[in-house]
Amino acid sequence: MENPYYQYFCGEQFFRHELPFDRSSMTRWRQRLGEEHLAALLQESLSVAHKTGAVETKDLERVVVDSTVQPKAVAHPTDARLMYRAIEKLVALAKRHGVPLRQSYIRVAKQASIMVGRYSHAHQFKRARRMLRFLRTRLGRLIRDIGRKIEGDGELEALFIPLLGLASRARHQDRHQRGPKVYALHAPEVECIGKGKARTPYEFGCKVSVATPVTSPKGGQFVLHAKALHGSPYDGHTLGAVIADLEELTGVETRRIHVDKGYRGHNHPHRFRVWISGQVRRVTASIRREMRRRAAVEPVIGHLKAEHRMGRNYLKGPEGDRINAVLAAAGYNFGLLLRWLAELLRACIMALTDASHAHTV
C-alpha cells in the first residue's frame, strides 16, 4: 500500500487501498499443512539438487548427524518475572470476562518485581527473597480468589483452568525440583537445555537434529534432514528414528553415519555403520578422512540460525517448533540451489560465448 509502483511491480492492475491478504494467512497456511506436508519442501529441494548434479548419491549415503538447540522467543525466565506475568494475565482475563476481584495487586506486584532485580543486582539477597515471597503470596491470593468466583460455572472454569494451572506451577516450582518446569506462560512447552557452552550455559527452547553430507558435494553442504525433538531426549536415543526418517526422505540407504561423543550408546539398529568421534577400532584411511570432516555440520547449523530464523523461533506451540526447523532447512537448501543454478547458467553462457567467438574467428 506504500505506492502504486510497488503494486504494479507485484502484478496489480489497479491501485488497491487495502492489504492484499490478511497478516495471519501465512500462520493458517502453516497450520493447515503441518510438519509432514512441509517436509515435502525439503524433499523437493534435495530431489532438484540430485537431478541437477549438486548432490550425488554417494553424498546421501555418508552423512553426519548432530543436535543443536532452537531457542524460543521468550524472555530469560526468573521467578519474579514469571509470577508478575501470571498476576498480569489472570487480572486481564478476569476483567475481560467480568469476574470481580477482591484486589488485583497489579501496582504492588510491579513494584515488587522491580525491587527483586534491584536487590539482586546489589547482592542484597535477603531483601530480594522477601520481595519474592511477597509476590508469591499475592499470586496465591489471586489464584484462590478467582477459584472461588468461578466455582460451579463450567464455561468460566474452562477458560480459567489452563492459566490457573500454569500460574500455580510457576508459584510452587523450585530450582532444585526434578521434572518439567514453566519457563514462559505463553510457551509452556519451552525446555531448559544445557549444551556446555561458556557463553550460554543454558538455552530455552527445544532440541533439533540436523543431518548433512560428510562429503563435500558440488553444490554445497545441503541439509538432508531437520527435526525438532521435544522432551530434551538423549542424543543417542534419537539416532535410530532420525536415520529412518532421513532414508525415507532421500530414498537412499545410509552406509556411514558420523556423530560426536554425545551419541555413545545410540539405538541405531546397524551399529557398525555408526562412527563416533575419537573412535579407533575399524577406522580405515578413508573413514579417518571423513571423520575429520564431521565438523562440517557446525557452519551449516550456524547459517540455519543466523540467516534462516532457527536462532529465535517465533512460531507458537510444539507444532511451531517442528515447522520452523523444517522451513529453516528448506530455505537454506533453496538458497544453495539458487547459487548452484546461477553457476550452471553462467557456465552455459560462457560456453556459448566461446563457441560463437571460435566460429567467427
Protein backbone atom coordinates (compact mmCIF):
# COMPACT_ATOMS: atom_id res chain seq x y z
CA MET A 1 0.00 0.00 0.00
CA GLU A 2 3.05 2.31 0.11
CA ASN A 3 2.84 3.49 -3.51
CA PRO A 4 1.37 2.38 -6.86
CA TYR A 5 4.78 1.47 -8.29
CA TYR A 6 5.22 -1.38 -5.79
CA GLN A 7 1.73 -2.64 -6.53
CA TYR A 8 2.33 -2.57 -10.29
CA PHE A 9 5.63 -4.41 -9.81
CA CYS A 10 3.81 -7.09 -7.79
CA GLY A 11 1.30 -7.65 -10.60
CA GLU A 12 -1.66 -5.47 -9.59
CA GLN A 13 -3.61 -3.84 -12.46
CA PHE A 14 -5.45 -1.29 -10.30
CA PHE A 15 -4.34 0.57 -7.16
CA ARG A 16 -5.70 -1.17 -4.03
CA HIS A 17 -6.43 0.69 -0.80
CA GLU A 18 -6.50 -2.47 1.35
CA LEU A 19 -3.91 -5.11 2.11
CA PRO A 20 -3.84 -7.93 -0.48
CA PHE A 21 -4.04 -10.64 2.19
CA ASP A 22 -4.52 -10.92 5.93
CA ARG A 23 -1.37 -10.93 8.05
CA SER A 24 -2.40 -14.23 9.65
CA SER A 25 -2.73 -16.01 6.29
CA MET A 26 0.77 -17.49 6.49
CA THR A 27 0.05 -18.73 10.02
CA ARG A 28 -3.09 -20.53 8.89
CA TRP A 29 -1.26 -21.93 5.85
CA ARG A 30 1.50 -23.39 8.05
CA GLN A 31 -1.03 -24.85 10.47
CA ARG A 32 -3.06 -26.46 7.70
CA LEU A 33 -0.01 -28.15 6.18
CA GLY A 34 1.82 -29.21 9.35
CA GLU A 35 5.29 -30.72 9.59
CA GLU A 36 4.53 -33.79 7.43
CA HIS A 37 3.46 -31.83 4.35
CA LEU A 38 6.09 -29.11 4.79
CA ALA A 39 8.76 -31.82 4.77
CA ALA A 40 7.87 -32.20 1.07
CA LEU A 41 9.60 -28.82 0.51
CA LEU A 42 12.80 -30.22 1.97
CA GLN A 43 12.41 -33.42 -0.05
CA GLU A 44 11.84 -31.44 -3.26
CA SER A 45 14.95 -29.32 -2.68
CA LEU A 46 17.04 -32.49 -2.34
CA SER A 47 15.40 -34.00 -5.44
CA VAL A 48 16.22 -30.95 -7.57
CA ALA A 49 19.76 -30.89 -6.19
CA HIS A 50 20.22 -34.56 -7.11
CA LYS A 51 18.80 -34.10 -10.63
CA THR A 52 20.99 -31.07 -11.38
CA GLY A 53 24.17 -32.69 -10.05
CA ALA A 54 24.59 -30.51 -6.96
CA VAL A 55 24.36 -33.65 -4.77
CA GLU A 56 25.35 -37.16 -5.81
CA THR A 57 24.13 -40.49 -4.47
CA LYS A 58 27.38 -41.08 -2.58
CA ASP A 59 26.78 -37.80 -0.71
CA LEU A 60 23.44 -39.14 0.52
CA GLU A 61 24.97 -42.42 1.70
CA ARG A 62 27.58 -40.86 4.03
CA VAL A 63 26.15 -38.37 6.49
CA VAL A 64 26.95 -36.57 9.72
CA VAL A 65 24.25 -36.11 12.36
CA ASP A 66 24.35 -33.56 15.17
CA SER A 67 21.91 -31.85 17.51
CA THR A 68 21.53 -28.21 18.46
CA VAL A 69 19.09 -26.02 20.39
CA GLN A 70 16.38 -23.97 18.68
CA PRO A 71 15.72 -21.13 21.15
CA LYS A 72 12.16 -19.90 21.60
CA ALA A 73 11.23 -16.22 21.56
CA VAL A 74 10.92 -15.92 25.35
CA ALA A 75 12.50 -13.59 27.89
CA HIS A 76 15.09 -15.02 30.26
CA PRO A 77 12.95 -16.73 32.92
CA THR A 78 13.14 -15.57 36.53
CA ASP A 79 10.79 -16.39 39.40
CA ALA A 80 9.85 -12.74 39.91
CA ARG A 81 9.03 -12.14 36.25
CA LEU A 82 7.01 -15.37 35.93
CA MET A 83 4.87 -14.60 38.98
CA TYR A 84 4.32 -10.97 37.95
CA ARG A 85 3.30 -12.05 34.44
CA ALA A 86 0.94 -14.63 35.94
CA ILE A 87 -0.72 -11.89 38.03
CA GLU A 88 -1.00 -9.64 34.95
CA LYS A 89 -2.54 -12.35 32.77
CA LEU A 90 -5.01 -13.52 35.43
CA VAL A 91 -6.21 -9.96 36.14
CA ALA A 92 -6.59 -9.20 32.41
CA LEU A 93 -8.56 -12.42 31.85
CA ALA A 94 -10.80 -11.68 34.83
CA LYS A 95 -11.55 -8.17 33.55
CA ARG A 96 -12.27 -9.49 30.06
CA HIS A 97 -14.92 -11.92 31.34
CA GLY A 98 -16.38 -9.74 34.09
CA VAL A 99 -15.08 -11.68 37.12
CA PRO A 100 -14.95 -9.26 40.12
CA LEU A 101 -11.71 -9.45 42.11
CA ARG A 102 -11.18 -8.62 45.75
CA GLN A 103 -7.89 -6.93 44.83
CA SER A 104 -5.79 -7.05 41.63
CA TYR A 105 -2.30 -6.46 43.19
CA ILE A 106 -1.03 -5.11 39.83
CA ARG A 107 0.57 -1.96 41.24
CA VAL A 108 2.29 -3.56 44.25
CA ALA A 109 3.34 -6.63 42.23
CA LYS A 110 5.04 -4.48 39.60
CA GLN A 111 6.99 -2.60 42.26
CA ALA A 112 7.97 -5.85 43.96
CA SER A 113 9.22 -7.40 40.71
CA ILE A 114 11.36 -4.31 40.06
CA MET A 115 12.82 -4.41 43.56
CA VAL A 116 13.75 -8.10 43.23
CA GLY A 117 16.03 -7.21 40.32
CA ARG A 118 17.50 -4.19 42.10
CA TYR A 119 18.21 -6.04 45.34
CA SER A 120 19.75 -8.98 43.46
CA HIS A 121 21.99 -6.62 41.49
CA ALA A 122 23.12 -5.04 44.76
CA HIS A 123 23.77 -8.52 46.30
CA GLN A 124 21.12 -7.84 48.93
CA PHE A 125 19.68 -11.32 48.60
CA LYS A 126 17.76 -11.34 51.89
CA ARG A 127 15.71 -8.33 50.76
CA ALA A 128 15.30 -9.88 47.28
CA ARG A 129 13.91 -13.07 48.83
CA ARG A 130 11.49 -11.02 50.90
CA MET A 131 10.14 -9.31 47.77
CA LEU A 132 9.90 -12.68 46.04
CA ARG A 133 7.93 -14.06 48.97
CA PHE A 134 5.64 -11.01 48.73
CA LEU A 135 4.98 -11.79 45.04
CA ARG A 136 4.34 -15.47 45.75
CA THR A 137 1.83 -14.61 48.49
CA ARG A 138 -0.11 -12.15 46.28
CA LEU A 139 -0.23 -14.60 43.40
CA GLY A 140 -1.61 -17.28 45.74
CA ARG A 141 -4.31 -14.90 47.00
CA LEU A 142 -5.31 -14.07 43.42
CA ILE A 143 -5.48 -17.76 42.39
CA ARG A 144 -7.70 -18.61 45.36
CA ASP A 145 -9.92 -15.56 44.82
CA ILE A 146 -10.53 -16.43 41.16
CA GLY A 147 -11.09 -20.08 42.07
CA ARG A 148 -13.86 -19.10 44.50
CA LYS A 149 -15.52 -16.73 42.00
CA ILE A 150 -15.65 -19.22 39.08
CA GLU A 151 -16.56 -22.31 41.11
CA GLY A 152 -19.57 -24.06 39.62
CA ASP A 153 -19.51 -22.10 36.34
CA GLY A 154 -18.42 -24.60 33.69
CA GLU A 155 -17.84 -22.00 30.98
CA LEU A 156 -15.59 -19.81 33.15
CA GLU A 157 -13.76 -22.82 34.55
CA ALA A 158 -12.90 -23.97 31.01
CA LEU A 159 -11.48 -20.50 30.29
CA PHE A 160 -9.50 -20.04 33.52
CA ILE A 161 -8.25 -23.53 34.42
CA PRO A 162 -5.32 -23.69 31.90
CA LEU A 163 -3.91 -20.32 33.03
CA LEU A 164 -4.61 -21.06 36.71
CA GLY A 165 -2.71 -24.34 36.37
CA LEU A 166 0.31 -22.62 34.81
CA ALA A 167 0.23 -19.86 37.45
CA SER A 168 0.07 -22.42 40.25
CA ARG A 169 3.03 -24.33 38.76
CA ALA A 170 5.04 -21.10 38.45
CA ARG A 171 4.22 -20.26 42.09
CA HIS A 172 5.21 -23.61 43.57
CA GLN A 173 8.15 -24.64 41.40
CA ASP A 174 11.64 -24.68 42.90
CA ARG A 175 15.02 -24.60 41.20
CA HIS A 176 16.01 -27.91 42.86
CA GLN A 177 12.90 -29.82 41.75
CA ARG A 178 13.07 -32.57 39.14
CA GLY A 179 10.88 -32.78 36.08
CA PRO A 180 9.46 -30.18 33.69
CA LYS A 181 9.12 -26.57 34.78
CA VAL A 182 7.33 -23.50 33.46
CA TYR A 183 9.73 -21.05 31.81
CA ALA A 184 7.20 -18.93 29.89
CA LEU A 185 3.44 -18.63 30.35
CA HIS A 186 2.77 -18.06 26.64
CA ALA A 187 5.04 -21.01 25.67
CA PRO A 188 4.79 -23.70 28.38
CA GLU A 189 6.46 -26.23 26.04
CA VAL A 190 9.84 -24.48 26.41
CA GLU A 191 12.62 -26.63 27.92
CA CYS A 192 15.88 -25.66 29.60
CA ILE A 193 18.78 -27.31 27.73
CA GLY A 194 22.44 -27.11 28.74
CA LYS A 195 24.98 -27.78 25.98
CA GLY A 196 28.08 -26.90 28.00
CA LYS A 197 28.75 -23.60 26.21
CA ALA A 198 30.72 -21.00 28.15
CA ARG A 199 28.79 -18.06 26.67
CA THR A 200 25.31 -19.58 27.00
CA PRO A 201 25.31 -22.30 29.69
CA TYR A 202 21.54 -22.78 29.33
CA GLU A 203 19.25 -22.22 26.35
CA PHE A 204 15.46 -22.21 26.40
CA GLY A 205 13.68 -23.90 23.52
CA CYS A 206 13.87 -27.43 22.09
CA LYS A 207 16.45 -29.75 20.57
CA VAL A 208 16.78 -30.05 16.80
CA SER A 209 18.56 -32.86 14.97
CA VAL A 210 20.39 -31.81 11.77
CA ALA A 211 21.93 -34.14 9.17
CA THR A 212 24.23 -33.11 6.31
CA PRO A 213 26.62 -34.97 3.96
CA VAL A 214 30.02 -35.76 5.44
CA THR A 215 31.48 -35.47 1.92
CA SER A 216 31.91 -32.22 0.00
CA PRO A 217 29.05 -32.02 -2.57
CA LYS A 218 29.48 -29.83 -5.65
CA GLY A 219 26.52 -27.61 -4.74
CA GLY A 220 27.41 -27.13 -1.06
CA GLN A 221 26.54 -28.68 2.29
CA PHE A 222 22.83 -29.34 1.90
CA VAL A 223 20.65 -30.15 4.91
CA LEU A 224 19.41 -33.70 4.41
CA HIS A 225 17.15 -33.83 7.47
CA ALA A 226 15.99 -31.50 10.25
CA LYS A 227 13.58 -32.42 13.03
CA ALA A 228 12.60 -30.80 16.33
CA LEU A 229 12.81 -33.18 19.32
CA HIS A 230 10.72 -32.36 22.40
CA GLY A 231 11.35 -33.68 25.88
CA SER A 232 15.11 -32.95 25.74
CA PRO A 233 15.97 -36.55 24.78
CA TYR A 234 19.45 -38.04 24.99
CA ASP A 235 21.12 -37.65 21.58
CA GLY A 236 21.97 -41.34 21.25
CA HIS A 237 18.34 -42.36 21.77
CA THR A 238 17.23 -40.26 18.77
CA LEU A 239 19.65 -41.60 16.16
CA GLY A 240 17.57 -44.61 15.07
CA ALA A 241 14.42 -42.59 14.36
CA VAL A 242 16.36 -39.76 12.70
CA ILE A 243 18.16 -42.08 10.27
CA ALA A 244 14.88 -43.88 9.43
CA ASP A 245 13.27 -40.51 8.59
CA LEU A 246 16.34 -39.48 6.59
CA GLU A 247 16.26 -42.65 4.46
CA GLU A 248 12.55 -42.20 3.83
CA LEU A 249 13.13 -38.59 2.79
CA THR A 250 16.04 -39.23 0.39
CA GLY A 251 15.18 -42.76 -0.73
CA VAL A 252 18.84 -43.78 -0.26
CA GLU A 253 20.13 -46.16 2.40
CA THR A 254 22.85 -44.61 4.58
CA ARG A 255 26.12 -46.54 4.69
CA ARG A 256 28.21 -44.41 7.05
CA ILE A 257 26.96 -42.19 9.88
CA HIS A 258 29.39 -39.90 11.72
CA VAL A 259 28.40 -38.48 15.12
CA ASP A 260 30.08 -36.86 18.12
CA LYS A 261 30.63 -38.42 21.55
CA GLY A 262 27.18 -37.34 22.71
CA TYR A 263 25.76 -40.25 20.70
CA ARG A 264 27.56 -43.00 22.62
CA GLY A 265 25.11 -45.76 23.49
CA HIS A 266 22.96 -44.97 20.46
CA ASN A 267 19.93 -47.02 19.38
CA HIS A 268 20.68 -47.36 15.66
CA PRO A 269 20.00 -50.97 14.60
CA HIS A 270 23.14 -51.19 12.41
CA ARG A 271 25.74 -50.18 14.96
CA PHE A 272 28.67 -50.95 12.66
CA ARG A 273 27.54 -48.17 10.31
CA VAL A 274 27.98 -45.53 13.03
CA TRP A 275 31.36 -43.94 13.69
CA ILE A 276 31.77 -41.88 16.85
CA SER A 277 34.30 -39.06 17.11
CA GLY A 278 37.56 -40.35 18.59
CA GLN A 279 36.86 -43.96 17.65
CA VAL A 280 39.97 -46.07 16.80
CA ARG A 281 38.68 -49.54 16.00
CA ARG A 282 37.55 -50.36 12.44
CA VAL A 283 38.80 -46.96 11.21
CA THR A 284 40.36 -47.07 7.74
CA ALA A 285 42.13 -44.23 5.94
CA SER A 286 39.01 -43.15 4.03
CA ILE A 287 36.87 -43.25 7.18
CA ARG A 288 39.50 -41.22 9.03
CA ARG A 289 39.31 -38.55 6.32
CA GLU A 290 35.53 -38.47 6.70
CA MET A 291 35.80 -38.25 10.49
CA ARG A 292 37.92 -35.13 10.10
CA ARG A 293 35.05 -33.58 8.13
CA ARG A 294 32.48 -34.31 10.85
CA ALA A 295 32.68 -30.67 11.97
CA ALA A 296 31.25 -29.59 8.56
CA VAL A 297 27.80 -29.67 10.19
CA GLU A 298 28.69 -26.80 12.55
CA PRO A 299 28.75 -23.97 9.94
CA VAL A 300 25.51 -25.37 8.48
CA ILE A 301 23.87 -25.03 11.91
CA GLY A 302 25.31 -21.52 12.17
CA HIS A 303 23.76 -20.50 8.82
CA LEU A 304 20.40 -22.02 9.81
CA LYS A 305 20.39 -19.95 12.99
CA ALA A 306 21.82 -16.69 11.66
CA GLU A 307 20.08 -16.46 8.29
CA HIS A 308 17.05 -18.78 8.36
CA ARG A 309 15.30 -17.99 11.68
CA MET A 310 16.31 -21.03 13.67
CA GLY A 311 18.20 -18.78 16.09
CA ARG A 312 14.93 -17.49 17.59
CA ASN A 313 11.66 -19.28 16.92
CA TYR A 314 8.54 -17.09 16.90
CA LEU A 315 6.02 -19.79 15.89
CA LYS A 316 3.55 -20.89 18.55
CA GLY A 317 3.46 -24.23 20.32
CA PRO A 318 5.28 -27.54 19.79
CA GLU A 319 3.93 -27.71 16.23
CA GLY A 320 5.55 -24.31 15.58
CA ASP A 321 8.90 -25.69 16.76
CA ARG A 322 8.69 -28.59 14.32
CA ILE A 323 7.52 -26.42 11.43
CA ASN A 324 10.22 -23.79 11.97
CA ALA A 325 13.02 -26.39 11.88
CA VAL A 326 11.80 -27.87 8.58
CA LEU A 327 11.22 -24.47 6.95
CA ALA A 328 14.67 -23.25 8.00
CA ALA A 329 16.30 -26.31 6.41
CA ALA A 330 14.23 -25.97 3.22
CA GLY A 331 15.07 -22.26 2.92
CA TYR A 332 18.76 -22.98 3.38
CA ASN A 333 18.67 -25.68 0.67
CA PHE A 334 16.83 -23.49 -1.82
CA GLY A 335 19.43 -20.76 -1.26
CA LEU A 336 22.19 -23.21 -2.18
CA LEU A 337 20.16 -24.36 -5.20
CA LEU A 338 19.77 -20.80 -6.50
CA ARG A 339 23.52 -20.29 -6.29
CA TRP A 340 24.20 -23.65 -7.98
CA LEU A 341 21.75 -22.95 -10.84
CA ALA A 342 23.24 -19.48 -11.33
CA GLU A 343 26.68 -21.06 -11.69
CA LEU A 344 25.31 -23.57 -14.23
CA LEU A 345 23.70 -20.75 -16.22
CA ARG A 346 26.92 -18.75 -16.13
CA ALA A 347 28.89 -21.77 -17.35
CA CYS A 348 26.42 -22.33 -20.21
CA ILE A 349 26.61 -18.68 -21.27
CA MET A 350 30.42 -18.78 -21.18
CA ALA A 351 30.46 -21.96 -23.27
CA LEU A 352 28.10 -20.44 -25.88
CA THR A 353 30.15 -17.24 -25.98
CA ASP A 354 33.38 -19.15 -26.52
CA ALA A 355 31.78 -21.28 -29.23
CA SER A 356 30.44 -18.26 -31.13
CA HIS A 357 33.79 -16.48 -30.81
CA ALA A 358 35.64 -19.54 -32.19
CA HIS A 359 33.16 -19.76 -35.07
CA THR A 360 33.67 -16.10 -36.08
CA VAL A 361 37.45 -16.47 -35.94
